[in-house]
């Protein structure tokens, strides 16, 4: 417990608790909510304030130099996610998408060409995901990373699994054509790591001539018979009527500058994250765990 009687790390604060935390009167907190100036959510008619987001809001208001810079264009770069694509359409954020892989998203975020970047880059040494220092983002003093979802990755297979692929080790069989992603994609990093963990030399695989530039592109190459298998998310397999062999759960996050979190397009997506339709659609797509959706996993 803290000196004011609050738990040390409450996930959500009530109106009275956030008033005490900010040293404001509850009436002032209600005024800030009514004006849309402080992040909050309503559950069964009761206002709740995510503690991590309140901390982010405080730091944003302390950084006058950050707030005076030109806002980034309303573009979501980086990696593609089928559930995120759907949420962007349904929430009408106005965010354009430019999905050319996680590494490309990092570059565009650094250069101010995107408001946010979707990423799922595994650190092979630690097994953690989206480590800022490993991504070249360690120097961003206002970097924020928000959890979107945990996703299940695995091998996409033609309906009925006609090639009899039951494990990663089967990929070295002669004649199998393996679809793969571009080197900038988080899925490529994961695929290489999975092969290393299984003791498989990537040079022994019969890879397709050209990489697939998205989850859907890879799924289509399997569906159309251009490849026999490849690693992608379960949602892409289900969407294209493919079989799926699960291999790994990964973290898909959204990285942005602190001020961008409070821009209207991102806030529209944040608000939609609480819509029951999102969980229902994730269940329908399969392969998603949204238990940490919206959690601030890094705040510089």
Protein backbone atom coordinates (compact mmCIF):
# COMPACT_ATOMS: atom_id res chain seq x y z
CA UNK A 1 0.00 0.00 0.00
CA UNK A 2 1.10 3.59 -0.66
CA UNK A 3 0.95 6.41 1.90
CA UNK A 4 -2.45 7.56 0.58
CA UNK A 5 -3.96 4.11 1.03
CA UNK A 6 -3.93 3.05 -2.66
CA UNK A 7 -2.60 -0.33 -3.78
CA UNK A 8 0.93 -0.05 -5.15
CA UNK A 9 0.02 -1.16 -8.67
CA UNK A 10 -3.75 -1.02 -9.27
CA UNK A 11 -4.60 -1.70 -12.90
CA UNK A 12 -7.60 0.67 -12.82
CA UNK A 13 -8.38 3.70 -10.64
CA UNK A 14 -11.81 4.92 -9.61
CA UNK A 15 -12.70 8.61 -9.88
CA UNK A 16 -11.82 9.21 -6.22
CA UNK A 17 -8.58 7.28 -6.55
CA UNK A 18 -7.44 9.12 -9.67
CA UNK A 19 -8.36 12.43 -8.00
CA UNK A 20 -6.14 11.52 -5.04
CA UNK A 21 -3.39 10.30 -7.39
CA UNK A 22 -3.43 13.60 -9.33
CA UNK A 23 -4.06 15.71 -6.21
CA UNK A 24 -7.26 17.09 -7.72
CA UNK A 25 -10.82 17.27 -6.49
CA UNK A 26 -13.18 14.62 -7.93
CA UNK A 27 -15.27 17.37 -9.51
CA UNK A 28 -12.22 18.51 -11.52
CA UNK A 29 -11.68 14.95 -12.73
CA UNK A 30 -15.30 14.80 -13.93
CA UNK A 31 -14.73 18.10 -15.78
CA UNK A 32 -11.63 16.68 -17.51
CA UNK A 33 -13.57 13.57 -18.54
CA UNK A 34 -16.48 15.63 -19.89
CA UNK A 35 -14.06 17.71 -22.00
CA UNK A 36 -12.31 14.59 -23.27
CA UNK A 37 -9.01 15.74 -21.79
CA UNK A 38 -8.21 12.72 -19.62
CA UNK A 39 -8.30 9.05 -20.72
CA UNK A 40 -11.01 6.96 -19.08
CA UNK A 41 -13.34 4.05 -19.71
CA UNK A 42 -16.83 3.27 -18.48
CA UNK A 43 -17.77 -0.17 -17.16
CA UNK A 44 -21.40 -0.80 -16.12
CA UNK A 45 -21.88 2.95 -15.85
CA UNK A 46 -18.84 3.49 -13.63
CA UNK A 47 -15.80 5.52 -14.71
CA UNK A 48 -12.46 3.73 -14.49
CA UNK A 49 -9.00 5.09 -15.30
CA UNK A 50 -6.19 2.74 -16.45
CA UNK A 51 -3.26 3.53 -14.16
CA UNK A 52 -0.61 3.08 -16.86
CA UNK A 53 -2.45 5.39 -19.26
CA UNK A 54 -2.86 8.04 -16.57
CA UNK A 55 0.91 7.93 -16.02
CA UNK A 56 1.40 8.29 -19.78
CA UNK A 57 -1.03 11.25 -19.84
CA UNK A 58 0.88 12.99 -17.03
CA UNK A 59 4.23 12.58 -18.78
CA UNK A 60 2.79 13.84 -22.06
CA UNK A 61 1.66 17.05 -20.35
CA UNK A 62 5.09 17.53 -18.78
CA UNK A 63 6.80 17.45 -22.19
CA UNK A 64 6.01 20.83 -23.69
CA UNK A 65 8.78 20.42 -26.28
CA UNK A 66 7.19 17.19 -27.53
CA UNK A 67 3.73 18.68 -27.77
CA UNK A 68 4.93 21.58 -29.90
CA UNK A 69 6.42 19.39 -32.64
CA UNK A 70 4.55 18.67 -35.86
CA UNK A 71 2.23 15.65 -35.41
CA UNK A 72 3.00 12.57 -37.45
CA UNK A 73 0.72 11.83 -40.43
CA UNK A 74 -2.23 9.52 -39.67
CA UNK A 75 -0.50 6.41 -40.98
CA UNK A 76 -0.15 3.00 -39.34
CA UNK A 77 3.00 1.38 -40.69
CA UNK A 78 4.83 -1.82 -39.89
CA UNK A 79 3.36 -5.29 -39.80
CA UNK A 80 -0.10 -6.41 -40.87
CA UNK A 81 -2.58 -8.01 -38.50
CA UNK A 82 -5.97 -9.27 -39.72
CA UNK A 83 -7.80 -8.33 -36.52
CA UNK A 84 -6.22 -4.87 -36.48
CA UNK A 85 -7.21 -4.35 -40.14
CA UNK A 86 -10.82 -5.10 -39.20
CA UNK A 87 -10.71 -2.86 -36.11
CA UNK A 88 -9.35 0.07 -38.12
CA UNK A 89 -12.26 -0.18 -40.54
CA UNK A 90 -14.91 -0.64 -37.87
CA UNK A 91 -13.63 2.15 -35.60
CA UNK A 92 -13.28 4.63 -38.46
CA UNK A 93 -10.01 5.97 -37.12
CA UNK A 94 -8.98 7.57 -40.40
CA UNK A 95 -5.59 5.86 -40.12
CA UNK A 96 -4.14 4.80 -43.46
CA UNK A 97 -2.11 1.58 -43.47
CA UNK A 98 1.31 1.05 -45.01
CA UNK A 99 2.26 -2.48 -44.00
CA UNK A 100 5.66 -3.47 -45.31
CA UNK A 101 7.00 -5.35 -42.30
CA UNK A 102 7.92 -4.55 -38.72
CA UNK A 103 11.40 -3.22 -39.53
CA UNK A 104 10.00 -0.84 -42.14
CA UNK A 105 7.52 0.40 -39.52
CA UNK A 106 10.35 1.13 -37.09
CA UNK A 107 12.13 3.20 -39.73
CA UNK A 108 9.00 5.18 -40.60
CA UNK A 109 8.25 5.81 -36.93
CA UNK A 110 11.77 7.15 -36.36
CA UNK A 111 11.58 9.39 -39.42
CA UNK A 112 8.19 10.81 -38.52
CA UNK A 113 6.44 9.19 -41.49
CA UNK A 114 3.93 7.23 -39.38
CA UNK A 115 1.84 7.89 -36.30
CA UNK A 116 2.19 4.28 -35.12
CA UNK A 117 3.90 1.06 -36.13
CA UNK A 118 2.65 -2.49 -35.68
CA UNK A 119 5.39 -4.93 -34.76
CA UNK A 120 6.06 -8.47 -33.56
CA UNK A 121 9.84 -8.76 -33.55
CA UNK A 122 11.29 -11.57 -31.45
CA UNK A 123 14.64 -11.03 -29.72
CA UNK A 124 16.31 -14.41 -30.36
CA UNK A 125 18.59 -14.05 -27.34
CA UNK A 126 16.03 -13.24 -24.64
CA UNK A 127 12.86 -14.62 -26.24
CA UNK A 128 11.14 -11.28 -25.53
CA UNK A 129 9.18 -9.28 -28.08
CA UNK A 130 9.64 -5.73 -29.34
CA UNK A 131 12.61 -4.78 -27.15
CA UNK A 132 13.26 -1.07 -27.93
CA UNK A 133 17.06 -1.27 -27.72
CA UNK A 134 17.09 -4.25 -30.10
CA UNK A 135 14.83 -2.42 -32.54
CA UNK A 136 16.96 0.73 -32.72
CA UNK A 137 14.32 2.64 -30.73
CA UNK A 138 16.33 2.94 -27.52
CA UNK A 139 17.06 6.62 -28.20
CA UNK A 140 13.39 7.69 -28.39
CA UNK A 141 12.74 9.54 -25.12
CA UNK A 142 8.99 9.58 -25.77
CA UNK A 143 8.48 6.02 -27.02
CA UNK A 144 5.34 4.19 -25.93
CA UNK A 145 4.50 0.58 -26.80
CA UNK A 146 0.91 -0.64 -26.41
CA UNK A 147 -0.07 -4.30 -26.44
CA UNK A 148 -2.53 -5.16 -29.20
CA UNK A 149 -2.75 -8.93 -28.91
CA UNK A 150 -1.03 -12.24 -28.47
CA UNK A 151 -1.31 -14.22 -31.70
CA UNK A 152 -0.77 -17.85 -32.59
CA UNK A 153 1.72 -18.48 -35.36
CA UNK A 154 2.13 -21.76 -37.17
CA UNK A 155 2.29 -23.59 -40.48
CA UNK A 156 -0.44 -22.91 -43.03
CA UNK A 157 -1.44 -26.05 -44.91
CA UNK A 158 -3.65 -26.85 -47.89
CA UNK A 159 -7.12 -28.14 -46.90
CA UNK A 160 -6.86 -31.70 -45.66
CA UNK A 161 -3.06 -31.43 -45.37
CA UNK A 162 -2.39 -33.46 -48.53
CA UNK A 163 1.39 -33.31 -48.04
CA UNK A 164 1.16 -34.85 -44.56
CA UNK A 165 3.07 -32.07 -42.80
CA UNK A 166 2.90 -32.66 -39.02
CA UNK A 167 6.01 -30.92 -37.66
CA UNK A 168 8.56 -28.27 -38.56
CA UNK A 169 11.06 -31.04 -39.27
CA UNK A 170 8.91 -32.16 -42.21
CA UNK A 171 9.88 -29.00 -44.12
CA UNK A 172 13.19 -30.52 -45.22
CA UNK A 173 11.42 -33.26 -47.20
CA UNK A 174 12.30 -33.16 -50.91
CA UNK A 175 9.77 -31.49 -53.16
CA UNK A 176 8.04 -29.30 -50.57
CA UNK A 177 7.75 -25.64 -51.54
CA UNK A 178 8.02 -23.30 -48.56
CA UNK A 179 6.51 -19.81 -48.69
CA UNK A 180 8.40 -17.21 -46.66
CA UNK A 181 8.25 -13.53 -45.72
CA UNK A 182 10.55 -10.63 -46.54
CA UNK A 183 13.56 -10.06 -44.27
CA UNK A 184 11.98 -6.89 -42.78
CA UNK A 185 9.02 -8.89 -41.44
CA UNK A 186 8.74 -10.08 -37.85
CA UNK A 187 7.44 -13.38 -39.20
CA UNK A 188 10.78 -13.95 -40.96
CA UNK A 189 12.67 -13.43 -37.68
CA UNK A 190 10.34 -15.89 -35.97
CA UNK A 191 10.67 -18.46 -38.77
CA UNK A 192 14.47 -18.34 -38.58
CA UNK A 193 14.34 -18.68 -34.78
CA UNK A 194 11.97 -21.66 -34.96
CA UNK A 195 14.28 -23.36 -37.44
CA UNK A 196 17.28 -22.74 -35.16
CA UNK A 197 15.38 -24.14 -32.18
CA UNK A 198 14.58 -27.26 -34.19
CA UNK A 199 18.16 -27.60 -35.47
CA UNK A 200 17.10 -27.15 -39.11
CA UNK A 201 19.44 -25.52 -41.61
CA UNK A 202 17.39 -22.97 -43.57
CA UNK A 203 19.61 -23.59 -46.60
CA UNK A 204 18.08 -27.09 -46.88
CA UNK A 205 14.58 -25.68 -47.48
CA UNK A 206 13.07 -25.27 -50.91
CA UNK A 207 11.92 -21.66 -50.50
CA UNK A 208 9.69 -19.95 -53.05
CA UNK A 209 11.52 -17.55 -55.35
CA UNK A 210 9.81 -14.40 -54.11
CA UNK A 211 8.83 -13.60 -50.49
CA UNK A 212 5.22 -12.97 -49.52
CA UNK A 213 4.76 -9.35 -48.44
CA UNK A 214 1.89 -9.96 -46.00
CA UNK A 215 0.10 -12.66 -44.02
CA UNK A 216 -2.65 -12.77 -46.66
CA UNK A 217 -0.16 -13.02 -49.53
CA UNK A 218 1.45 -16.05 -47.90
CA UNK A 219 -1.95 -17.65 -47.25
CA UNK A 220 -2.96 -17.09 -50.87
CA UNK A 221 0.23 -18.69 -52.15
CA UNK A 222 -0.66 -21.85 -50.20
CA UNK A 223 -4.33 -21.71 -51.16
CA UNK A 224 -3.50 -21.32 -54.86
CA UNK A 225 -0.96 -24.14 -54.82
CA UNK A 226 2.09 -21.96 -55.40
CA UNK A 227 3.53 -23.20 -52.09
CA UNK A 228 2.84 -26.18 -49.84
CA UNK A 229 3.22 -24.40 -46.51
CA UNK A 230 4.65 -21.39 -44.72
CA UNK A 231 4.58 -19.70 -41.31
CA UNK A 232 1.81 -17.15 -40.65
CA UNK A 233 -0.88 -16.34 -38.09
CA UNK A 234 -3.81 -18.66 -37.51
CA UNK A 235 -6.32 -15.95 -38.46
CA UNK A 236 -4.88 -15.83 -41.99
CA UNK A 237 -5.26 -19.61 -42.29
CA UNK A 238 -8.89 -19.55 -41.16
CA UNK A 239 -9.74 -16.61 -43.39
CA UNK A 240 -8.51 -18.46 -46.48
CA UNK A 241 -9.91 -21.88 -45.62
CA UNK A 242 -6.55 -23.48 -44.84
CA UNK A 243 -5.50 -26.04 -42.25
CA UNK A 244 -3.23 -24.84 -39.48
CA UNK A 245 -0.46 -26.42 -37.39
CA UNK A 246 0.20 -24.24 -34.29
CA UNK A 247 3.82 -23.58 -33.34
CA UNK A 248 4.19 -20.45 -31.20
CA UNK A 249 2.38 -17.62 -29.38
CA UNK A 250 3.80 -14.15 -30.09
CA UNK A 251 3.15 -10.55 -29.01
CA UNK A 252 1.88 -7.98 -31.50
CA UNK A 253 2.31 -4.41 -30.26
CA UNK A 254 1.77 -0.84 -31.44
CA UNK A 255 4.71 1.55 -31.03
CA UNK A 256 4.29 5.32 -31.19
CA UNK A 257 5.47 8.61 -29.77
CA UNK A 258 3.78 9.56 -26.51
CA UNK A 259 1.93 12.50 -28.01
CA UNK A 260 0.57 10.30 -30.81
CA UNK A 261 -1.31 8.18 -28.28
CA UNK A 262 -3.53 11.18 -27.59
CA UNK A 263 -4.15 12.09 -31.24
CA UNK A 264 -7.78 11.52 -32.35
CA UNK A 265 -7.06 8.59 -34.74
CA UNK A 266 -5.26 6.56 -32.06
CA UNK A 267 -7.82 7.46 -29.41
CA UNK A 268 -10.59 6.23 -31.71
CA UNK A 269 -8.83 2.86 -31.89
CA UNK A 270 -8.28 2.82 -28.11
CA UNK A 271 -11.96 3.46 -27.49
CA UNK A 272 -12.94 0.70 -29.92
CA UNK A 273 -10.72 -1.73 -28.01
CA UNK A 274 -13.41 -1.78 -25.33
CA UNK A 275 -16.19 -2.66 -27.78
CA UNK A 276 -17.50 -6.23 -27.19
CA UNK A 277 -17.58 -6.70 -30.98
CA UNK A 278 -13.78 -6.78 -31.02
CA UNK A 279 -13.54 -9.79 -28.69
CA UNK A 280 -16.37 -11.51 -30.55
CA UNK A 281 -14.61 -11.01 -33.88
CA UNK A 282 -11.28 -12.21 -32.43
CA UNK A 283 -13.00 -15.40 -31.25
CA UNK A 284 -14.46 -15.87 -34.72
CA UNK A 285 -11.11 -15.36 -36.44
CA UNK A 286 -9.32 -17.68 -33.94
CA UNK A 287 -5.75 -17.58 -32.70
CA UNK A 288 -5.98 -14.39 -30.59
CA UNK A 289 -5.57 -13.68 -26.88
CA UNK A 290 -6.77 -10.15 -26.03
CA UNK A 291 -6.33 -10.36 -22.26
CA UNK A 292 -3.63 -7.65 -22.34
CA UNK A 293 -5.18 -5.48 -25.04
CA UNK A 294 -4.37 -1.81 -24.44
CA UNK A 295 -1.74 -2.44 -21.75
CA UNK A 296 1.22 -0.08 -21.81
CA UNK A 297 4.17 -2.47 -22.06
CA UNK A 298 6.81 0.25 -22.46
CA UNK A 299 6.78 3.94 -21.54
CA UNK A 300 10.15 5.69 -21.94
